[in-house]
Amino acid sequence: MNEVLAELAKHEDPKVRALAERGREHHNRRTRIIELVQEALQQLRLDTKYLVFDLECTRRERDAAMGDAL
């Protein structure tokens, strides 16, 4: 796609070339933002799994301690 834009830009005036470059920059920026959001969501999912595991362990420990106290 970049090659196509580069080829088109050669034949157009500087305004069109600048517009094509801005479009490519916006696309690249949005792609990077989406990648960062996906990474953050993956990390959030992993953190949530760890928290649920920790909560389950804490509940089991509490229930075991309560059972020993009776």
PDB file of N, CA and C in Angstrom:
ATOM      1  N   MET A   1       0.831  -1.190   0.000  1.00  0.00           N
ATOM      2  CA  MET A   1       0.000   0.000   0.000  1.00  0.00           C
ATOM      3  C   MET A   1       0.874   1.252   0.000  1.00  0.00           C
ATOM      4  N   ASN A   2       1.933   1.230   0.806  1.00  0.00           N
ATOM      5  CA  ASN A   2       2.830   2.380   0.854  1.00  0.00           C
ATOM      6  C   ASN A   2       3.465   2.635  -0.506  1.00  0.00           C
ATOM      7  N   GLU A   3       3.763   1.545  -1.243  1.00  0.00           N
ATOM      8  CA  GLU A   3       4.372   1.698  -2.552  1.00  0.00           C
ATOM      9  C   GLU A   3       3.392   2.352  -3.518  1.00  0.00           C
ATOM     10  N   VAL A   4       2.120   1.964  -3.413  1.00  0.00           N
ATOM     11  CA  VAL A   4       1.096   2.543  -4.282  1.00  0.00           C
ATOM     12  C   VAL A   4       0.960   4.029  -3.997  1.00  0.00           C
ATOM     13  N   LEU A   5       0.897   4.376  -2.709  1.00  0.00           N
ATOM     14  CA  LEU A   5       0.804   5.791  -2.349  1.00  0.00           C
ATOM     15  C   LEU A   5       2.029   6.564  -2.817  1.00  0.00           C
ATOM     16  N   ALA A   6       3.185   5.960  -2.675  1.00  0.00           N
ATOM     17  CA  ALA A   6       4.410   6.629  -3.104  1.00  0.00           C
ATOM     18  C   ALA A   6       4.397   6.861  -4.608  1.00  0.00           C
ATOM     19  N   GLU A   7       3.939   5.873  -5.360  1.00  0.00           N
ATOM     20  CA  GLU A   7       3.875   6.006  -6.822  1.00  0.00           C
ATOM     21  C   GLU A   7       2.864   7.068  -7.229  1.00  0.00           C
ATOM     22  N   LEU A   8       1.712   7.062  -6.589  1.00  0.00           N
ATOM     23  CA  LEU A   8       0.695   8.075  -6.877  1.00  0.00           C
ATOM     24  C   LEU A   8       1.197   9.466  -6.507  1.00  0.00           C
ATOM     25  N   ALA A   9       1.873   9.547  -5.387  1.00  0.00           N
ATOM     26  CA  ALA A   9       2.347  10.841  -4.904  1.00  0.00           C
ATOM     27  C   ALA A   9       3.356  11.460  -5.864  1.00  0.00           C
ATOM     28  N   LYS A  10       4.096  10.648  -6.588  1.00  0.00           N
ATOM     29  CA  LYS A  10       5.078  11.173  -7.542  1.00  0.00           C
ATOM     30  C   LYS A  10       4.404  11.966  -8.657  1.00  0.00           C
ATOM     31  N   HIS A  11       3.192  11.555  -8.988  1.00  0.00           N
ATOM     32  CA  HIS A  11       2.510  12.160 -10.123  1.00  0.00           C
ATOM     33  C   HIS A  11       1.531  13.265  -9.706  1.00  0.00           C
ATOM     34  N   GLU A  12       1.383  13.473  -8.446  1.00  0.00           N
ATOM     35  CA  GLU A  12       0.436  14.469  -7.966  1.00  0.00           C
ATOM     36  C   GLU A  12       1.175  15.693  -7.451  1.00  0.00           C
ATOM     37  N   ASP A  13       0.412  16.717  -7.162  1.00  0.00           N
ATOM     38  CA  ASP A  13       1.038  17.930  -6.637  1.00  0.00           C
ATOM     39  C   ASP A  13       1.402  17.746  -5.164  1.00  0.00           C
ATOM     40  N   PRO A  14       2.190  18.625  -4.618  1.00  0.00           N
ATOM     41  CA  PRO A  14       2.651  18.493  -3.225  1.00  0.00           C
ATOM     42  C   PRO A  14       1.521  18.435  -2.200  1.00  0.00           C
ATOM     43  N   LYS A  15       0.404  19.091  -2.482  1.00  0.00           N
ATOM     44  CA  LYS A  15      -0.719  19.047  -1.538  1.00  0.00           C
ATOM     45  C   LYS A  15      -1.275  17.639  -1.410  1.00  0.00           C
ATOM     46  N   VAL A  16      -1.422  16.967  -2.533  1.00  0.00           N
ATOM     47  CA  VAL A  16      -1.940  15.594  -2.516  1.00  0.00           C
ATOM     48  C   VAL A  16      -0.920  14.676  -1.860  1.00  0.00           C
ATOM     49  N   ARG A  17       0.333  14.895  -2.142  1.00  0.00           N
ATOM     50  CA  ARG A  17       1.395  14.095  -1.531  1.00  0.00           C
ATOM     51  C   ARG A  17       1.371  14.242  -0.008  1.00  0.00           C
ATOM     52  N   ALA A  18       1.229  15.475   0.456  1.00  0.00           N
ATOM     53  CA  ALA A  18       1.178  15.721   1.898  1.00  0.00           C
ATOM     54  C   ALA A  18      -0.055  15.067   2.507  1.00  0.00           C
ATOM     55  N   LEU A  19      -1.175  15.137   1.801  1.00  0.00           N
ATOM     56  CA  LEU A  19      -2.408  14.522   2.296  1.00  0.00           C
ATOM     57  C   LEU A  19      -2.256  12.999   2.383  1.00  0.00           C
ATOM     58  N   ALA A  20      -1.644  12.399   1.378  1.00  0.00           N
ATOM     59  CA  ALA A  20      -1.423  10.948   1.394  1.00  0.00           C
ATOM     60  C   ALA A  20      -0.506  10.566   2.552  1.00  0.00           C
ATOM     61  N   GLU A  21       0.520  11.360   2.789  1.00  0.00           N
ATOM     62  CA  GLU A  21       1.446  11.091   3.895  1.00  0.00           C
ATOM     63  C   GLU A  21       0.731  11.192   5.236  1.00  0.00           C
ATOM     64  N   ARG A  22      -0.099  12.217   5.379  1.00  0.00           N
ATOM     65  CA  ARG A  22      -0.861  12.365   6.634  1.00  0.00           C
ATOM     66  C   ARG A  22      -1.792  11.173   6.845  1.00  0.00           C
ATOM     67  N   GLY A  23      -2.430  10.715   5.760  1.00  0.00           N
ATOM     68  CA  GLY A  23      -3.308   9.548   5.859  1.00  0.00           C
ATOM     69  C   GLY A  23      -2.552   8.316   6.314  1.00  0.00           C
ATOM     70  N   ARG A  24      -1.353   8.125   5.770  1.00  0.00           N
ATOM     71  CA  ARG A  24      -0.527   6.980   6.166  1.00  0.00           C
ATOM     72  C   ARG A  24      -0.095   7.100   7.620  1.00  0.00           C
ATOM     73  N   GLU A  25       0.278   8.308   8.044  1.00  0.00           N
ATOM     74  CA  GLU A  25       0.667   8.514   9.441  1.00  0.00           C
ATOM     75  C   GLU A  25      -0.495   8.233  10.385  1.00  0.00           C
ATOM     76  N   HIS A  26      -1.684   8.686  10.027  1.00  0.00           N
ATOM     77  CA  HIS A  26      -2.863   8.424  10.867  1.00  0.00           C
ATOM     78  C   HIS A  26      -3.146   6.926  10.953  1.00  0.00           C
ATOM     79  N   HIS A  27      -3.030   6.256   9.803  1.00  0.00           N
ATOM     80  CA  HIS A  27      -3.251   4.808   9.796  1.00  0.00           C
ATOM     81  C   HIS A  27      -2.240   4.096  10.700  1.00  0.00           C
ATOM     82  N   ASN A  28      -0.973   4.460  10.578  1.00  0.00           N
ATOM     83  CA  ASN A  28       0.068   3.836  11.403  1.00  0.00           C
ATOM     84  C   ASN A  28      -0.165   4.111  12.883  1.00  0.00           C
ATOM     85  N   ARG A  29      -0.560   5.330  13.217  1.00  0.00           N
ATOM     86  CA  ARG A  29      -0.815   5.692  14.611  1.00  0.00           C
ATOM     87  C   ARG A  29      -2.000   4.888  15.160  1.00  0.00           C
ATOM     88  N   ARG A  30      -3.062   4.798  14.385  1.00  0.00           N
ATOM     89  CA  ARG A  30      -4.237   4.034  14.835  1.00  0.00           C
ATOM     90  C   ARG A  30      -3.906   2.556  14.987  1.00  0.00           C
ATOM     91  N   THR A  31      -3.116   2.034  14.066  1.00  0.00           N
ATOM     92  CA  THR A  31      -2.721   0.629  14.168  1.00  0.00           C
ATOM     93  C   THR A  31      -1.934   0.398  15.456  1.00  0.00           C
ATOM     94  N   ARG A  32      -1.030   1.290  15.770  1.00  0.00           N
ATOM     95  CA  ARG A  32      -0.237   1.153  17.005  1.00  0.00           C
ATOM     96  C   ARG A  32      -1.124   1.286  18.240  1.00  0.00           C
ATOM     97  N   ILE A  33      -2.075   2.197  18.214  1.00  0.00           N
ATOM     98  CA  ILE A  33      -2.995   2.355  19.348  1.00  0.00           C
ATOM     99  C   ILE A  33      -3.802   1.083  19.556  1.00  0.00           C
ATOM    100  N   ILE A  34      -4.276   0.501  18.463  1.00  0.00           N
ATOM    101  CA  ILE A  34      -5.043  -0.747  18.571  1.00  0.00           C
ATOM    102  C   ILE A  34      -4.173  -1.854  19.153  1.00  0.00           C
ATOM    103  N   GLU A  35      -2.931  -1.939  18.725  1.00  0.00           N
ATOM    104  CA  GLU A  35      -2.017  -2.942  19.269  1.00  0.00           C
ATOM    105  C   GLU A  35      -1.810  -2.730  20.768  1.00  0.00           C
ATOM    106  N   LEU A  36      -1.643  -1.485  21.185  1.00  0.00           N
ATOM    107  CA  LEU A  36      -1.459  -1.192  22.614  1.00  0.00           C
ATOM    108  C   LEU A  36      -2.690  -1.554  23.418  1.00  0.00           C
ATOM    109  N   VAL A  37      -3.866  -1.270  22.884  1.00  0.00           N
ATOM    110  CA  VAL A  37      -5.114  -1.616  23.578  1.00  0.00           C
ATOM    111  C   VAL A  37      -5.248  -3.129  23.689  1.00  0.00           C
ATOM    112  N   GLN A  38      -4.919  -3.849  22.629  1.00  0.00           N
ATOM    113  CA  GLN A  38      -4.995  -5.313  22.673  1.00  0.00           C
ATOM    114  C   GLN A  38      -4.026  -5.884  23.715  1.00  0.00           C
ATOM    115  N   GLU A  39      -2.815  -5.335  23.767  1.00  0.00           N
ATOM    116  CA  GLU A  39      -1.846  -5.784  24.775  1.00  0.00           C
ATOM    117  C   GLU A  39      -2.359  -5.499  26.178  1.00  0.00           C
ATOM    118  N   ALA A  40      -2.951  -4.323  26.376  1.00  0.00           N
ATOM    119  CA  ALA A  40      -3.478  -3.969  27.690  1.00  0.00           C
ATOM    120  C   ALA A  40      -4.624  -4.895  28.085  1.00  0.00           C
ATOM    121  N   LEU A  41      -5.479  -5.234  27.137  1.00  0.00           N
ATOM    122  CA  LEU A  41      -6.576  -6.158  27.431  1.00  0.00           C
ATOM    123  C   LEU A  41      -6.060  -7.548  27.781  1.00  0.00           C
ATOM    124  N   GLN A  42      -5.045  -8.009  27.069  1.00  0.00           N
ATOM    125  CA  GLN A  42      -4.455  -9.312  27.391  1.00  0.00           C
ATOM    126  C   GLN A  42      -3.873  -9.304  28.799  1.00  0.00           C
ATOM    127  N   GLN A  43      -3.199  -8.228  29.156  1.00  0.00           N
ATOM    128  CA  GLN A  43      -2.624  -8.126  30.494  1.00  0.00           C
ATOM    129  C   GLN A  43      -3.726  -8.068  31.543  1.00  0.00           C
ATOM    130  N   LEU A  44      -4.798  -7.354  31.252  1.00  0.00           N
ATOM    131  CA  LEU A  44      -5.927  -7.267  32.181  1.00  0.00           C
ATOM    132  C   LEU A  44      -6.562  -8.639  32.392  1.00  0.00           C
ATOM    133  N   ARG A  45      -6.715  -9.387  31.313  1.00  0.00           N
ATOM    134  CA  ARG A  45      -7.274 -10.742  31.438  1.00  0.00           C
ATOM    135  C   ARG A  45      -6.378 -11.618  32.316  1.00  0.00           C
ATOM    136  N   LEU A  46      -5.080 -11.543  32.096  1.00  0.00           N
ATOM    137  CA  LEU A  46      -4.144 -12.332  32.897  1.00  0.00           C
ATOM    138  C   LEU A  46      -4.195 -11.906  34.364  1.00  0.00           C
ATOM    139  N   ASP A  47      -4.179 -10.600  34.610  1.00  0.00           N
ATOM    140  CA  ASP A  47      -4.248 -10.100  35.989  1.00  0.00           C
ATOM    141  C   ASP A  47      -5.534 -10.544  36.667  1.00  0.00           C
ATOM    142  N   THR A  48      -6.633 -10.537  35.918  1.00  0.00           N
ATOM    143  CA  THR A  48      -7.920 -10.963  36.479  1.00  0.00           C
ATOM    144  C   THR A  48      -7.879 -12.440  36.848  1.00  0.00           C
ATOM    145  N   LYS A  49      -7.266 -13.256  36.011  1.00  0.00           N
ATOM    146  CA  LYS A  49      -7.146 -14.686  36.325  1.00  0.00           C
ATOM    147  C   LYS A  49      -6.344 -14.897  37.608  1.00  0.00           C
ATOM    148  N   TYR A  50      -5.252 -14.142  37.756  1.00  0.00           N
ATOM    149  CA  TYR A  50      -4.461 -14.247  38.980  1.00  0.00           C
ATOM    150  C   TYR A  50      -5.260 -13.805  40.203  1.00  0.00           C
ATOM    151  N   LEU A  51      -6.030 -12.743  40.062  1.00  0.00           N
ATOM    152  CA  LEU A  51      -6.837 -12.263  41.190  1.00  0.00           C
ATOM    153  C   LEU A  51      -7.911 -13.268  41.583  1.00  0.00           C
ATOM    154  N   VAL A  52      -8.559 -13.869  40.601  1.00  0.00           N
ATOM    155  CA  VAL A  52      -9.580 -14.881  40.889  1.00  0.00           C
ATOM    156  C   VAL A  52      -8.937 -16.087  41.572  1.00  0.00           C
ATOM    157  N   PHE A  53      -7.791 -16.509  41.085  1.00  0.00           N
ATOM    158  CA  PHE A  53      -7.084 -17.628  41.706  1.00  0.00           C
ATOM    159  C   PHE A  53      -6.730 -17.296  43.150  1.00  0.00           C
ATOM    160  N   ASP A  54      -6.203 -16.096  43.381  1.00  0.00           N
ATOM    161  CA  ASP A  54      -5.835 -15.675  44.727  1.00  0.00           C
ATOM    162  C   ASP A  54      -7.058 -15.614  45.635  1.00  0.00           C
ATOM    163  N   LEU A  55      -8.155 -15.119  45.118  1.00  0.00           N
ATOM    164  CA  LEU A  55      -9.383 -15.048  45.909  1.00  0.00           C
ATOM    165  C   LEU A  55      -9.867 -16.437  46.287  1.00  0.00           C
ATOM    166  N   GLU A  56      -9.829 -17.370  45.340  1.00  0.00           N
ATOM    167  CA  GLU A  56     -10.258 -18.736  45.627  1.00  0.00           C
ATOM    168  C   GLU A  56      -9.361 -19.378  46.686  1.00  0.00           C
ATOM    169  N   CYS A  57      -8.060 -19.149  46.580  1.00  0.00           N
ATOM    170  CA  CYS A  57      -7.136 -19.693  47.581  1.00  0.00           C
ATOM    171  C   CYS A  57      -7.412 -19.092  48.961  1.00  0.00           C
ATOM    172  N   THR A  58      -7.638 -17.787  48.991  1.00  0.00           N
ATOM    173  CA  THR A  58      -7.914 -17.124  50.265  1.00  0.00           C
ATOM    174  C   THR A  58      -9.197 -17.663  50.884  1.00  0.00           C
ATOM    175  N   ARG A  59     -10.220 -17.882  50.081  1.00  0.00           N
ATOM    176  CA  ARG A  59     -11.483 -18.444  50.593  1.00  0.00           C
ATOM    177  C   ARG A  59     -11.275 -19.856  51.137  1.00  0.00           C
ATOM    178  N   ARG A  60     -10.489 -20.666  50.411  1.00  0.00           N
ATOM    179  CA  ARG A  60     -10.228 -22.024  50.895  1.00  0.00           C
ATOM    180  C   ARG A  60      -9.477 -21.995  52.230  1.00  0.00           C
ATOM    181  N   GLU A  61      -8.489 -21.091  52.314  1.00  0.00           N
ATOM    182  CA  GLU A  61      -7.740 -20.959  53.567  1.00  0.00           C
ATOM    183  C   GLU A  61      -8.658 -20.515  54.708  1.00  0.00           C
ATOM    184  N   ARG A  62      -9.529 -19.565  54.418  1.00  0.00           N
ATOM    185  CA  ARG A  62     -10.472 -19.088  55.426  1.00  0.00           C
ATOM    186  C   ARG A  62     -11.409 -20.222  55.863  1.00  0.00           C
ATOM    187  N   ASP A  63     -11.952 -20.943  54.896  1.00  0.00           N
ATOM    188  CA  ASP A  63     -12.868 -22.031  55.222  1.00  0.00           C
ATOM    189  C   ASP A  63     -12.155 -23.126  56.015  1.00  0.00           C
ATOM    190  N   ALA A  64     -10.904 -23.413  55.658  1.00  0.00           N
ATOM    191  CA  ALA A  64     -10.142 -24.419  56.400  1.00  0.00           C
ATOM    192  C   ALA A  64      -9.884 -23.930  57.823  1.00  0.00           C
ATOM    193  N   ALA A  65      -9.565 -22.657  57.991  1.00  0.00           N
ATOM    194  CA  ALA A  65      -9.314 -22.120  59.318  1.00  0.00           C
ATOM    195  C   ALA A  65     -10.589 -22.117  60.153  1.00  0.00           C
ATOM    196  N   MET A  66     -11.707 -21.811  59.538  1.00  0.00           N
ATOM    197  CA  MET A  66     -12.990 -21.812  60.240  1.00  0.00           C
ATOM    198  C   MET A  66     -13.372 -23.243  60.637  1.00  0.00           C
ATOM    199  N   GLY A  67     -13.056 -24.196  59.790  1.00  0.00           N
ATOM    200  CA  GLY A  67     -13.345 -25.593  60.091  1.00  0.00           C
ATOM    201  C   GLY A  67     -12.487 -26.080  61.258  1.00  0.00           C
ATOM    202  N   ASP A  68     -11.237 -25.628  61.325  1.00  0.00           N
ATOM    203  CA  ASP A  68     -10.347 -26.004  62.414  1.00  0.00           C
ATOM    204  C   ASP A  68     -10.793 -25.359  63.720  1.00  0.00           C
ATOM    205  N   ALA A  69     -11.369 -24.188  63.638  1.00  0.00           N
ATOM    206  CA  ALA A  69     -11.775 -23.462  64.844  1.00  0.00           C
ATOM    207  C   ALA A  69     -13.004 -24.110  65.479  1.00  0.00           C
ATOM    208  N   LEU A  70     -13.790 -24.806  64.673  1.00  0.00           N
ATOM    209  CA  LEU A  70     -15.004 -25.438  65.227  1.00  0.00           C
ATOM    210  C   LEU A  70     -14.621 -26.733  65.845  1.00  0.00           C
TER     211      LEU A  70
END
